[in-house]
Every structure is written in C-alpha cells, then in structure tokens.
Amino acid sequence: MATRLLLLSDTHVPARAKRLPDEVWRAVDDADLVVHAGDWVDLATLDALQQRAARLIGVWGNNDGSELRARLPRIARARVEEVALAVTHETGAAAGRERRMDALFAGDRPDLLVFGHSHIPWDSTTPGGIRLLNPGSPTDRRRQPECTLMTAVIDGPAVREVTLRPVRRAA
C-alpha cells in the first residue's frame, strides 16, 4: 500500500504567520506521514501537528530555540516502505548541493532527503542517487511567487507523484 506524504518546512509560526493556513491542515488530514524540515519557531505548532498527523517526523531548524531542539533531532531518519528517508534543515548553498549531500551521507545514504531553510522549492537527484526535496514555506514565500507545500507518494521503493502546491496565506 502506498504512503501519502506531506512535506513542510519553515512554518515560522507565529513570526511569519499567526497560524498555519487551513490548506495545510487539510493536507495534514490527507497524509499518512507529515515530514517537517525545521524552523517551526514555536512549540504549539509541533504539538498541534503531533496531535493531528497520523505520523510526524521533524527536525529543528536554525530559528528554533532550546525547547524545540530538546524535542527534535538535527537529522531524522526513518524507513518508509522500502525508502530510506532522511530529514534535515540546512544543506547549504544551491551550488554544489547534490555533491555535498552525497559526501555528507556517504556512509549511510538515504534514498530521499527532505530539507528546508531556503524557502525555495527544490527537486533534484544527486549523482549518488539521493532524491532531494525542499517544499518551500507555506507561510513565508520570501522571493518566491507564492507560499508552498509539497506532497509525494512512496510506493514500495519508489518516490512518485511529487507535487509542489501553492498555499494561500492564512488571514
């Protein structure tokens, strides 16, 4: 059976938005697994996602304080069906990202790496075969045309149906 993923990062509540948009909560309800790549900013968002998500995997980001860092790892790993998943917040500059991630994860290569930090959506594959996905931010578009989230499906060994979705900011 396929596993439906919701990928989030850089929610920055309440710094960039008062709350997560309703669209995000609908996507949480539709997902079998929610992956959050850091910069939550507040514990309430973590608590709310933990309560509502069927399953949640998350990491802390550079804007997350000691309380979030005490509850979340810097890098998270999980096996989802036959896919080795890793999650981290920062991967450095876009230039050279694929080769850096191959080097960083040389000893225990994931099939899929979800990351955040830049607020810039990303979908590429490293020379070593790691799929890199950044969902952007559902609350702070920065230099992007719109806020975003990402969905994907893991089906056995395959990551498929990767979709970048625009998000209307919460009022």
C-alpha atoms as a PDB file:
ATOM      1  CA  MET A   1       0.000   0.000   0.000  1.00  0.00           C
ATOM      2  CA  ALA A   2       1.294   3.462  -0.903  1.00  0.00           C
ATOM      3  CA  THR A   3       2.174   6.057   1.754  1.00  0.00           C
ATOM      4  CA  ARG A   4       0.992   9.633   1.157  1.00  0.00           C
ATOM      5  CA  LEU A   5       3.483  12.266   2.372  1.00  0.00           C
ATOM      6  CA  LEU A   6       3.039  15.909   3.223  1.00  0.00           C
ATOM      7  CA  LEU A   7       6.333  17.814   3.215  1.00  0.00           C
ATOM      8  CA  LEU A   8       6.568  21.086   5.149  1.00  0.00           C
ATOM      9  CA  SER A   9       9.329  23.394   6.247  1.00  0.00           C
ATOM     10  CA  ASP A  10       9.866  26.897   7.539  1.00  0.00           C
ATOM     11  CA  THR A  11       6.410  27.392   9.018  1.00  0.00           C
ATOM     12  CA  HIS A  12       7.727  30.200  11.280  1.00  0.00           C
ATOM     13  CA  VAL A  13       4.569  30.455  13.407  1.00  0.00           C
ATOM     14  CA  PRO A  14       3.946  32.993  14.922  1.00  0.00           C
ATOM     15  CA  ALA A  15       6.878  35.004  13.489  1.00  0.00           C
ATOM     16  CA  ARG A  16       5.783  34.958   9.814  1.00  0.00           C
ATOM     17  CA  ALA A  17       2.137  33.894  10.216  1.00  0.00           C
ATOM     18  CA  LYS A  18      -0.254  33.767  13.151  1.00  0.00           C
ATOM     19  CA  ARG A  19      -1.224  30.189  12.313  1.00  0.00           C
ATOM     20  CA  LEU A  20      -0.851  27.522   9.670  1.00  0.00           C
ATOM     21  CA  PRO A  21      -3.188  28.028   6.708  1.00  0.00           C
ATOM     22  CA  ASP A  22      -6.316  25.857   6.502  1.00  0.00           C
ATOM     23  CA  GLU A  23      -4.908  24.320   3.324  1.00  0.00           C
ATOM     24  CA  VAL A  24      -2.009  22.913   5.341  1.00  0.00           C
ATOM     25  CA  TRP A  25      -4.374  21.351   7.883  1.00  0.00           C
ATOM     26  CA  ARG A  26      -6.415  19.722   5.089  1.00  0.00           C
ATOM     27  CA  ALA A  27      -3.187  18.302   3.663  1.00  0.00           C
ATOM     28  CA  VAL A  28      -2.234  17.016   7.143  1.00  0.00           C
ATOM     29  CA  ASP A  29      -5.565  15.193   7.318  1.00  0.00           C
ATOM     30  CA  ASP A  30      -4.953  13.602   3.891  1.00  0.00           C
ATOM     31  CA  ALA A  31      -1.391  12.437   4.658  1.00  0.00           C
ATOM     32  CA  ASP A  32      -0.192   9.172   6.125  1.00  0.00           C
ATOM     33  CA  LEU A  33       3.081  10.873   7.099  1.00  0.00           C
ATOM     34  CA  VAL A  34       3.892  14.538   7.693  1.00  0.00           C
ATOM     35  CA  VAL A  35       7.559  15.498   7.348  1.00  0.00           C
ATOM     36  CA  HIS A  36       8.647  18.900   8.721  1.00  0.00           C
ATOM     37  CA  ALA A  37      12.164  20.103   7.896  1.00  0.00           C
ATOM     38  CA  GLY A  38      12.537  22.673  10.668  1.00  0.00           C
ATOM     39  CA  ASP A  39      12.030  26.307  11.580  1.00  0.00           C
ATOM     40  CA  TRP A  40       8.821  25.698  13.485  1.00  0.00           C
ATOM     41  CA  VAL A  41       9.625  28.650  15.816  1.00  0.00           C
ATOM     42  CA  ASP A  42       7.001  27.697  18.434  1.00  0.00           C
ATOM     43  CA  LEU A  43       6.182  24.547  20.363  1.00  0.00           C
ATOM     44  CA  ALA A  44       2.455  24.957  19.758  1.00  0.00           C
ATOM     45  CA  THR A  45       2.855  24.138  16.051  1.00  0.00           C
ATOM     46  CA  LEU A  46       4.834  20.998  16.872  1.00  0.00           C
ATOM     47  CA  ASP A  47       2.248  19.950  19.462  1.00  0.00           C
ATOM     48  CA  ALA A  48      -0.668  20.606  17.096  1.00  0.00           C
ATOM     49  CA  LEU A  49       0.923  18.632  14.260  1.00  0.00           C
ATOM     50  CA  GLN A  50       1.804  15.760  16.596  1.00  0.00           C
ATOM     51  CA  GLN A  51      -1.810  15.587  17.749  1.00  0.00           C
ATOM     52  CA  ARG A  52      -3.382  15.801  14.297  1.00  0.00           C
ATOM     53  CA  ALA A  53      -0.964  13.970  11.988  1.00  0.00           C
ATOM     54  CA  ALA A  54      -1.252  10.222  11.542  1.00  0.00           C
ATOM     55  CA  ARG A  55       2.565  10.171  11.832  1.00  0.00           C
ATOM     56  CA  LEU A  56       5.061  13.036  12.120  1.00  0.00           C
ATOM     57  CA  ILE A  57       8.795  13.182  11.503  1.00  0.00           C
ATOM     58  CA  GLY A  58      10.502  16.502  12.146  1.00  0.00           C
ATOM     59  CA  VAL A  59      13.806  18.216  12.834  1.00  0.00           C
ATOM     60  CA  TRP A  60      14.819  21.551  14.330  1.00  0.00           C
ATOM     61  CA  GLY A  61      15.987  24.490  12.254  1.00  0.00           C
ATOM     62  CA  ASN A  62      18.220  27.484  12.818  1.00  0.00           C
ATOM     63  CA  ASN A  63      15.311  29.621  14.106  1.00  0.00           C
ATOM     64  CA  ASP A  64      14.193  27.019  16.650  1.00  0.00           C
ATOM     65  CA  GLY A  65      15.015  27.563  20.295  1.00  0.00           C
ATOM     66  CA  SER A  66      16.175  25.205  23.012  1.00  0.00           C
ATOM     67  CA  GLU A  67      12.722  23.750  23.747  1.00  0.00           C
ATOM     68  CA  LEU A  68      12.267  22.577  20.149  1.00  0.00           C
ATOM     69  CA  ARG A  69      15.877  21.390  19.958  1.00  0.00           C
ATOM     70  CA  ALA A  70      15.303  19.325  23.103  1.00  0.00           C
ATOM     71  CA  ARG A  71      12.368  17.530  21.441  1.00  0.00           C
ATOM     72  CA  LEU A  72      13.613  17.192  17.865  1.00  0.00           C
ATOM     73  CA  PRO A  73      16.820  15.906  16.246  1.00  0.00           C
ATOM     74  CA  ARG A  74      19.052  17.842  13.848  1.00  0.00           C
ATOM     75  CA  ILE A  75      18.769  14.962  11.374  1.00  0.00           C
ATOM     76  CA  ALA A  76      15.929  12.441  11.443  1.00  0.00           C
ATOM     77  CA  ARG A  77      15.912   9.093   9.682  1.00  0.00           C
ATOM     78  CA  ALA A  78      13.143   6.612   9.018  1.00  0.00           C
ATOM     79  CA  ARG A  79      12.262   3.787   6.695  1.00  0.00           C
ATOM     80  CA  VAL A  80       9.014   4.395   4.840  1.00  0.00           C
ATOM     81  CA  GLU A  81       8.035   1.254   2.990  1.00  0.00           C
ATOM     82  CA  GLU A  82      11.288   0.449   1.144  1.00  0.00           C
ATOM     83  CA  VAL A  83      12.576   4.038   1.064  1.00  0.00           C
ATOM     84  CA  ALA A  84      15.294   5.250   3.429  1.00  0.00           C
ATOM     85  CA  LEU A  85      14.237   8.789   4.399  1.00  0.00           C
ATOM     86  CA  ALA A  86      16.396  11.479   5.982  1.00  0.00           C
ATOM     87  CA  VAL A  87      15.299  14.957   7.058  1.00  0.00           C
ATOM     88  CA  THR A  88      17.486  17.955   7.883  1.00  0.00           C
ATOM     89  CA  HIS A  89      17.011  21.703   7.862  1.00  0.00           C
ATOM     90  CA  GLU A  90      20.075  23.165   6.157  1.00  0.00           C
ATOM     91  CA  THR A  91      22.019  21.852   3.179  1.00  0.00           C
ATOM     92  CA  GLY A  92      23.991  24.989   2.308  1.00  0.00           C
ATOM     93  CA  ALA A  93      24.055  26.937  -0.922  1.00  0.00           C
ATOM     94  CA  ALA A  94      22.259  25.660  -4.020  1.00  0.00           C
ATOM     95  CA  ALA A  95      25.549  25.497  -5.947  1.00  0.00           C
ATOM     96  CA  GLY A  96      27.140  22.135  -5.255  1.00  0.00           C
ATOM     97  CA  ARG A  97      24.253  20.900  -3.082  1.00  0.00           C
ATOM     98  CA  GLU A  98      23.988  17.484  -4.764  1.00  0.00           C
ATOM     99  CA  ARG A  99      27.677  16.629  -4.387  1.00  0.00           C
ATOM    100  CA  ARG A 100      27.737  17.935  -0.774  1.00  0.00           C
ATOM    101  CA  MET A 101      24.793  15.725   0.176  1.00  0.00           C
ATOM    102  CA  ASP A 102      26.424  12.690  -1.441  1.00  0.00           C
ATOM    103  CA  ALA A 103      29.546  13.395   0.644  1.00  0.00           C
ATOM    104  CA  LEU A 104      27.613  14.113   3.853  1.00  0.00           C
ATOM    105  CA  PHE A 105      25.594  10.923   3.625  1.00  0.00           C
ATOM    106  CA  ALA A 106      28.330   8.742   2.078  1.00  0.00           C
ATOM    107  CA  GLY A 107      28.323   6.263   4.962  1.00  0.00           C
ATOM    108  CA  ASP A 108      24.578   5.723   5.157  1.00  0.00           C
ATOM    109  CA  ARG A 109      22.919   7.064   2.022  1.00  0.00           C
ATOM    110  CA  PRO A 110      19.186   7.777   2.181  1.00  0.00           C
ATOM    111  CA  ASP A 111      17.008   7.365  -0.890  1.00  0.00           C
ATOM    112  CA  LEU A 112      15.157  10.600  -0.098  1.00  0.00           C
ATOM    113  CA  LEU A 113      16.386  13.710   1.733  1.00  0.00           C
ATOM    114  CA  VAL A 114      13.857  16.377   2.719  1.00  0.00           C
ATOM    115  CA  PHE A 115      15.310  19.758   3.679  1.00  0.00           C
ATOM    116  CA  GLY A 116      14.279  23.369   4.169  1.00  0.00           C
ATOM    117  CA  HIS A 117      15.878  26.661   5.230  1.00  0.00           C
ATOM    118  CA  SER A 118      15.939  28.491   1.882  1.00  0.00           C
ATOM    119  CA  HIS A 119      12.140  28.745   1.423  1.00  0.00           C
ATOM    120  CA  ILE A 120      12.925  27.850  -2.204  1.00  0.00           C
ATOM    121  CA  PRO A 121      11.267  24.688  -3.537  1.00  0.00           C
ATOM    122  CA  TRP A 122      13.748  22.132  -4.826  1.00  0.00           C
ATOM    123  CA  ASP A 123      13.557  18.754  -6.545  1.00  0.00           C
ATOM    124  CA  SER A 124      16.725  17.129  -7.816  1.00  0.00           C
ATOM    125  CA  THR A 125      18.678  13.898  -7.621  1.00  0.00           C
ATOM    126  CA  THR A 126      22.332  13.688  -6.608  1.00  0.00           C
ATOM    127  CA  PRO A 127      24.907  11.811  -8.724  1.00  0.00           C
ATOM    128  CA  GLY A 128      24.796   9.139  -5.982  1.00  0.00           C
ATOM    129  CA  GLY A 129      21.034   8.756  -6.350  1.00  0.00           C
ATOM    130  CA  ILE A 130      19.629  10.709  -3.366  1.00  0.00           C
ATOM    131  CA  ARG A 131      16.363  12.480  -4.224  1.00  0.00           C
ATOM    132  CA  LEU A 132      16.456  15.987  -2.701  1.00  0.00           C
ATOM    133  CA  LEU A 133      13.154  17.720  -1.938  1.00  0.00           C
ATOM    134  CA  ASN A 134      12.514  21.125  -0.375  1.00  0.00           C
ATOM    135  CA  PRO A 135       8.824  22.057  -0.041  1.00  0.00           C
ATOM    136  CA  GLY A 136       9.427  25.799   0.351  1.00  0.00           C
ATOM    137  CA  SER A 137       7.338  27.506   3.035  1.00  0.00           C
ATOM    138  CA  PRO A 138       3.553  27.588   3.494  1.00  0.00           C
ATOM    139  CA  THR A 139       3.751  30.895   5.391  1.00  0.00           C
ATOM    140  CA  ASP A 140       6.732  32.925   4.080  1.00  0.00           C
ATOM    141  CA  ARG A 141       7.300  32.981   0.335  1.00  0.00           C
ATOM    142  CA  ARG A 142      10.347  35.274   0.546  1.00  0.00           C
ATOM    143  CA  ARG A 143      11.459  35.766  -3.067  1.00  0.00           C
ATOM    144  CA  GLN A 144       9.138  33.079  -4.436  1.00  0.00           C
ATOM    145  CA  PRO A 145       5.908  33.903  -6.285  1.00  0.00           C
ATOM    146  CA  GLU A 146       3.809  32.064  -3.688  1.00  0.00           C
ATOM    147  CA  CYS A 147       3.884  30.092  -0.450  1.00  0.00           C
ATOM    148  CA  THR A 148       4.125  26.335  -0.987  1.00  0.00           C
ATOM    149  CA  LEU A 149       3.957  22.836   0.408  1.00  0.00           C
ATOM    150  CA  MET A 150       4.839  19.559  -1.264  1.00  0.00           C
ATOM    151  CA  THR A 151       3.131  16.189  -1.434  1.00  0.00           C
ATOM    152  CA  ALA A 152       4.552  12.883  -2.577  1.00  0.00           C
ATOM    153  CA  VAL A 153       3.739   9.197  -2.573  1.00  0.00           C
ATOM    154  CA  ILE A 154       6.072   6.414  -1.530  1.00  0.00           C
ATOM    155  CA  ASP A 155       5.097   3.141  -3.123  1.00  0.00           C
ATOM    156  CA  GLY A 156       7.453   0.309  -2.209  1.00  0.00           C
ATOM    157  CA  PRO A 157      10.892   1.501  -3.339  1.00  0.00           C
ATOM    158  CA  ALA A 158       9.564   4.386  -5.460  1.00  0.00           C
ATOM    159  CA  VAL A 159       9.056   8.068  -4.641  1.00  0.00           C
ATOM    160  CA  ARG A 160       6.434   9.268  -7.097  1.00  0.00           C
ATOM    161  CA  GLU A 161       3.762  11.911  -7.619  1.00  0.00           C
ATOM    162  CA  VAL A 162       5.940  14.672  -6.163  1.00  0.00           C
ATOM    163  CA  THR A 163       3.761  17.776  -6.372  1.00  0.00           C
ATOM    164  CA  LEU A 164       4.526  21.347  -5.373  1.00  0.00           C
ATOM    165  CA  ARG A 165       1.296  23.003  -4.270  1.00  0.00           C
ATOM    166  CA  PRO A 166       0.670  26.725  -3.788  1.00  0.00           C
ATOM    167  CA  VAL A 167      -0.699  27.763  -0.408  1.00  0.00           C
ATOM    168  CA  ARG A 168      -2.837  30.808   0.278  1.00  0.00           C
ATOM    169  CA  ARG A 169      -1.563  32.507   3.426  1.00  0.00           C
ATOM    170  CA  ALA A 170      -3.798  32.424   6.496  1.00  0.00           C
ATOM    171  CA  ALA A 171      -5.527  35.690   7.320  1.00  0.00           C
END
